[in-house]
């Protein structure tokens, strides 16, 4: 659990500082290291892949939306500016790998994920703002409120998927 938390912090800084300096490689390296660690058989959780999949989709939709709606601009040299940058998608994937590990305590109470998302989401983006990886293009308080709502929902969904996985009835055999 401790190594998972430390690896995510390293990943977070690699992504944010790399993004602020138009460098994707630190995010890729940190992401690969974290993925290798979590894919070791003794470190895996049966629902990690489901959480990774949903987190990637969420990250793409959520962080692309900030750009499309003119609320944020991410600092990097991606060719398709409205799309979420690679470094932030890697960060979402790394965060997904904490859900069943260093953040597993969030599943102890149904309201903990929402409370943590309300506080942690805006704080993480504020840190990214201060480090130069993102720029807010609208009112600070409006963006912070939207981040709080979105992250309360997103974290609740990710924790629930971490607890139960994804069930595809069409793929289940009778």
Protein backbone atom coordinates (compact mmCIF):
# COMPACT_ATOMS: atom_id res chain seq x y z
CA UNK A 1 0.00 0.00 0.00
CA UNK A 2 2.78 2.43 0.86
CA UNK A 3 4.70 1.71 -2.35
CA UNK A 4 1.47 2.22 -4.34
CA UNK A 5 0.94 5.62 -2.69
CA UNK A 6 4.55 6.68 -3.26
CA UNK A 7 4.51 5.54 -6.88
CA UNK A 8 1.35 7.55 -7.50
CA UNK A 9 2.87 10.68 -5.96
CA UNK A 10 5.93 10.27 -8.19
CA UNK A 11 3.62 9.72 -11.17
CA UNK A 12 1.54 12.79 -10.27
CA UNK A 13 4.60 15.05 -10.16
CA UNK A 14 6.06 13.51 -13.32
CA UNK A 15 2.77 14.16 -15.14
CA UNK A 16 2.20 17.70 -13.87
CA UNK A 17 5.77 18.92 -14.15
CA UNK A 18 6.21 17.14 -17.48
CA UNK A 19 2.98 18.68 -18.77
CA UNK A 20 4.01 22.14 -17.56
CA UNK A 21 7.28 21.76 -19.48
CA UNK A 22 5.82 20.16 -22.61
CA UNK A 23 7.42 16.78 -21.85
CA UNK A 24 5.43 13.56 -22.08
CA UNK A 25 8.25 11.11 -21.42
CA UNK A 26 8.35 11.61 -17.60
CA UNK A 27 4.66 10.65 -17.47
CA UNK A 28 5.23 7.59 -19.64
CA UNK A 29 8.20 6.38 -17.58
CA UNK A 30 6.44 6.90 -14.24
CA UNK A 31 3.27 5.28 -15.60
CA UNK A 32 5.15 2.21 -16.81
CA UNK A 33 6.92 1.83 -13.46
CA UNK A 34 3.64 2.03 -11.56
CA UNK A 35 1.91 -0.35 -13.96
CA UNK A 36 4.72 -2.91 -13.70
CA UNK A 37 4.58 -2.76 -9.90
CA UNK A 38 0.80 -3.17 -9.76
CA UNK A 39 0.72 -5.98 -12.32
CA UNK A 40 2.98 -8.17 -10.19
CA UNK A 41 0.73 -11.07 -9.12
CA UNK A 42 1.01 -10.28 -5.41
CA UNK A 43 0.03 -6.62 -6.01
CA UNK A 44 -2.95 -7.16 -8.31
CA UNK A 45 -6.60 -6.76 -7.45
CA UNK A 46 -9.22 -8.56 -9.51
CA UNK A 47 -10.98 -5.30 -10.41
CA UNK A 48 -7.93 -3.21 -11.36
CA UNK A 49 -8.50 -3.61 -15.10
CA UNK A 50 -12.15 -2.55 -14.82
CA UNK A 51 -11.17 0.56 -12.84
CA UNK A 52 -8.40 1.35 -15.36
CA UNK A 53 -10.83 1.10 -18.28
CA UNK A 54 -13.46 3.34 -16.68
CA UNK A 55 -10.85 5.85 -15.46
CA UNK A 56 -9.40 6.19 -18.95
CA UNK A 57 -12.84 6.91 -20.42
CA UNK A 58 -13.62 9.34 -17.59
CA UNK A 59 -10.33 11.14 -18.00
CA UNK A 60 -10.80 11.49 -21.73
CA UNK A 61 -14.36 12.81 -21.37
CA UNK A 62 -13.87 15.00 -18.29
CA UNK A 63 -10.59 16.66 -19.19
CA UNK A 64 -11.50 17.06 -22.84
CA UNK A 65 -14.71 18.75 -21.69
CA UNK A 66 -12.80 21.37 -19.69
CA UNK A 67 -11.01 22.38 -22.89
CA UNK A 68 -13.99 22.12 -25.22
CA UNK A 69 -16.14 24.30 -22.96
CA UNK A 70 -13.38 26.88 -22.58
CA UNK A 71 -12.89 26.39 -18.85
CA UNK A 72 -9.28 25.17 -18.82
CA UNK A 73 -6.27 24.97 -21.04
CA UNK A 74 -3.67 22.29 -20.49
CA UNK A 75 -0.04 23.18 -21.08
CA UNK A 76 1.60 20.86 -23.56
CA UNK A 77 2.19 20.54 -27.26
CA UNK A 78 -0.48 18.03 -28.21
CA UNK A 79 -1.59 18.21 -31.84
CA UNK A 80 -5.32 18.09 -31.05
CA UNK A 81 -5.65 20.83 -28.44
CA UNK A 82 -9.26 20.15 -27.39
CA UNK A 83 -8.46 16.55 -26.42
CA UNK A 84 -7.19 15.79 -22.94
CA UNK A 85 -3.39 15.63 -23.00
CA UNK A 86 -1.55 12.33 -22.72
CA UNK A 87 0.04 13.26 -19.40
CA UNK A 88 -3.33 13.75 -17.72
CA UNK A 89 -4.68 10.48 -19.12
CA UNK A 90 -1.63 8.70 -17.72
CA UNK A 91 -2.37 10.40 -14.40
CA UNK A 92 -5.95 9.07 -14.50
CA UNK A 93 -4.59 5.57 -15.13
CA UNK A 94 -2.17 5.88 -12.23
CA UNK A 95 -4.94 7.17 -9.99
CA UNK A 96 -7.08 4.19 -11.02
CA UNK A 97 -4.32 1.91 -9.76
CA UNK A 98 -4.66 3.44 -6.28
CA UNK A 99 -8.40 2.73 -5.91
CA UNK A 100 -8.03 -0.89 -4.76
CA UNK A 101 -4.70 -0.34 -3.06
CA UNK A 102 -3.56 2.81 -1.22
CA UNK A 103 -7.04 4.38 -1.56
CA UNK A 104 -8.96 1.20 -0.62
CA UNK A 105 -9.95 2.82 2.68
CA UNK A 106 -12.44 4.91 0.67
CA UNK A 107 -14.67 1.85 0.38
CA UNK A 108 -15.21 1.79 4.17
CA UNK A 109 -18.15 4.20 3.96
CA UNK A 110 -20.41 5.03 1.00
CA UNK A 111 -19.94 8.80 1.42
CA UNK A 112 -16.14 8.81 1.75
CA UNK A 113 -15.42 8.77 -2.00
CA UNK A 114 -17.74 11.71 -2.63
CA UNK A 115 -16.27 13.68 0.28
CA UNK A 116 -12.73 12.98 -0.88
CA UNK A 117 -13.62 13.92 -4.46
CA UNK A 118 -15.22 17.19 -3.30
CA UNK A 119 -11.99 18.20 -1.60
CA UNK A 120 -9.22 16.34 -3.42
CA UNK A 121 -10.31 17.02 -7.01
CA UNK A 122 -10.17 20.82 -6.82
CA UNK A 123 -6.99 20.68 -4.72
CA UNK A 124 -5.18 18.52 -7.29
CA UNK A 125 -6.11 20.85 -10.15
CA UNK A 126 -5.16 23.89 -8.04
CA UNK A 127 -1.73 22.33 -7.52
CA UNK A 128 -1.52 21.75 -11.28
CA UNK A 129 -2.48 25.40 -11.81
CA UNK A 130 0.22 26.60 -9.42
CA UNK A 131 2.83 24.36 -11.08
CA UNK A 132 1.95 25.65 -14.55
CA UNK A 133 0.39 22.53 -16.06
CA UNK A 134 -3.10 23.97 -16.45
CA UNK A 135 -4.63 27.40 -16.82
CA UNK A 136 -8.13 28.28 -15.69
CA UNK A 137 -9.94 30.26 -18.38
CA UNK A 138 -13.06 31.05 -16.34
CA UNK A 139 -13.84 32.16 -12.80
CA UNK A 140 -11.70 30.31 -10.25
CA UNK A 141 -14.64 29.58 -7.92
CA UNK A 142 -16.85 28.32 -10.73
CA UNK A 143 -14.16 25.93 -11.94
CA UNK A 144 -13.44 24.79 -8.38
CA UNK A 145 -17.14 24.07 -7.77
CA UNK A 146 -17.42 22.14 -11.05
CA UNK A 147 -14.28 20.16 -10.23
CA UNK A 148 -15.68 19.32 -6.79
CA UNK A 149 -18.94 18.01 -8.24
CA UNK A 150 -17.30 16.07 -11.07
CA UNK A 151 -14.69 14.51 -8.81
CA UNK A 152 -17.23 13.58 -6.14
CA UNK A 153 -19.14 11.65 -8.80
CA UNK A 154 -16.07 10.24 -10.55
CA UNK A 155 -14.40 8.98 -7.39
CA UNK A 156 -17.62 7.42 -6.16
CA UNK A 157 -17.99 5.56 -9.47
CA UNK A 158 -14.36 4.40 -9.47
CA UNK A 159 -14.57 3.13 -5.89
CA UNK A 160 -17.81 1.27 -6.61
CA UNK A 161 -16.24 -0.36 -9.67
CA UNK A 162 -13.20 -1.19 -7.58
CA UNK A 163 -15.45 -2.97 -5.11
CA UNK A 164 -17.58 -4.88 -7.57
CA UNK A 165 -15.88 -4.77 -10.97
CA UNK A 166 -17.82 -4.52 -14.18
CA UNK A 167 -20.52 -7.05 -14.84
CA UNK A 168 -21.39 -7.65 -18.46
CA UNK A 169 -24.52 -9.78 -18.59
CA UNK A 170 -24.09 -10.42 -22.31
CA UNK A 171 -20.71 -12.02 -21.68
CA UNK A 172 -21.84 -14.21 -18.80
CA UNK A 173 -22.67 -17.79 -19.59
CA UNK A 174 -25.67 -19.48 -18.04
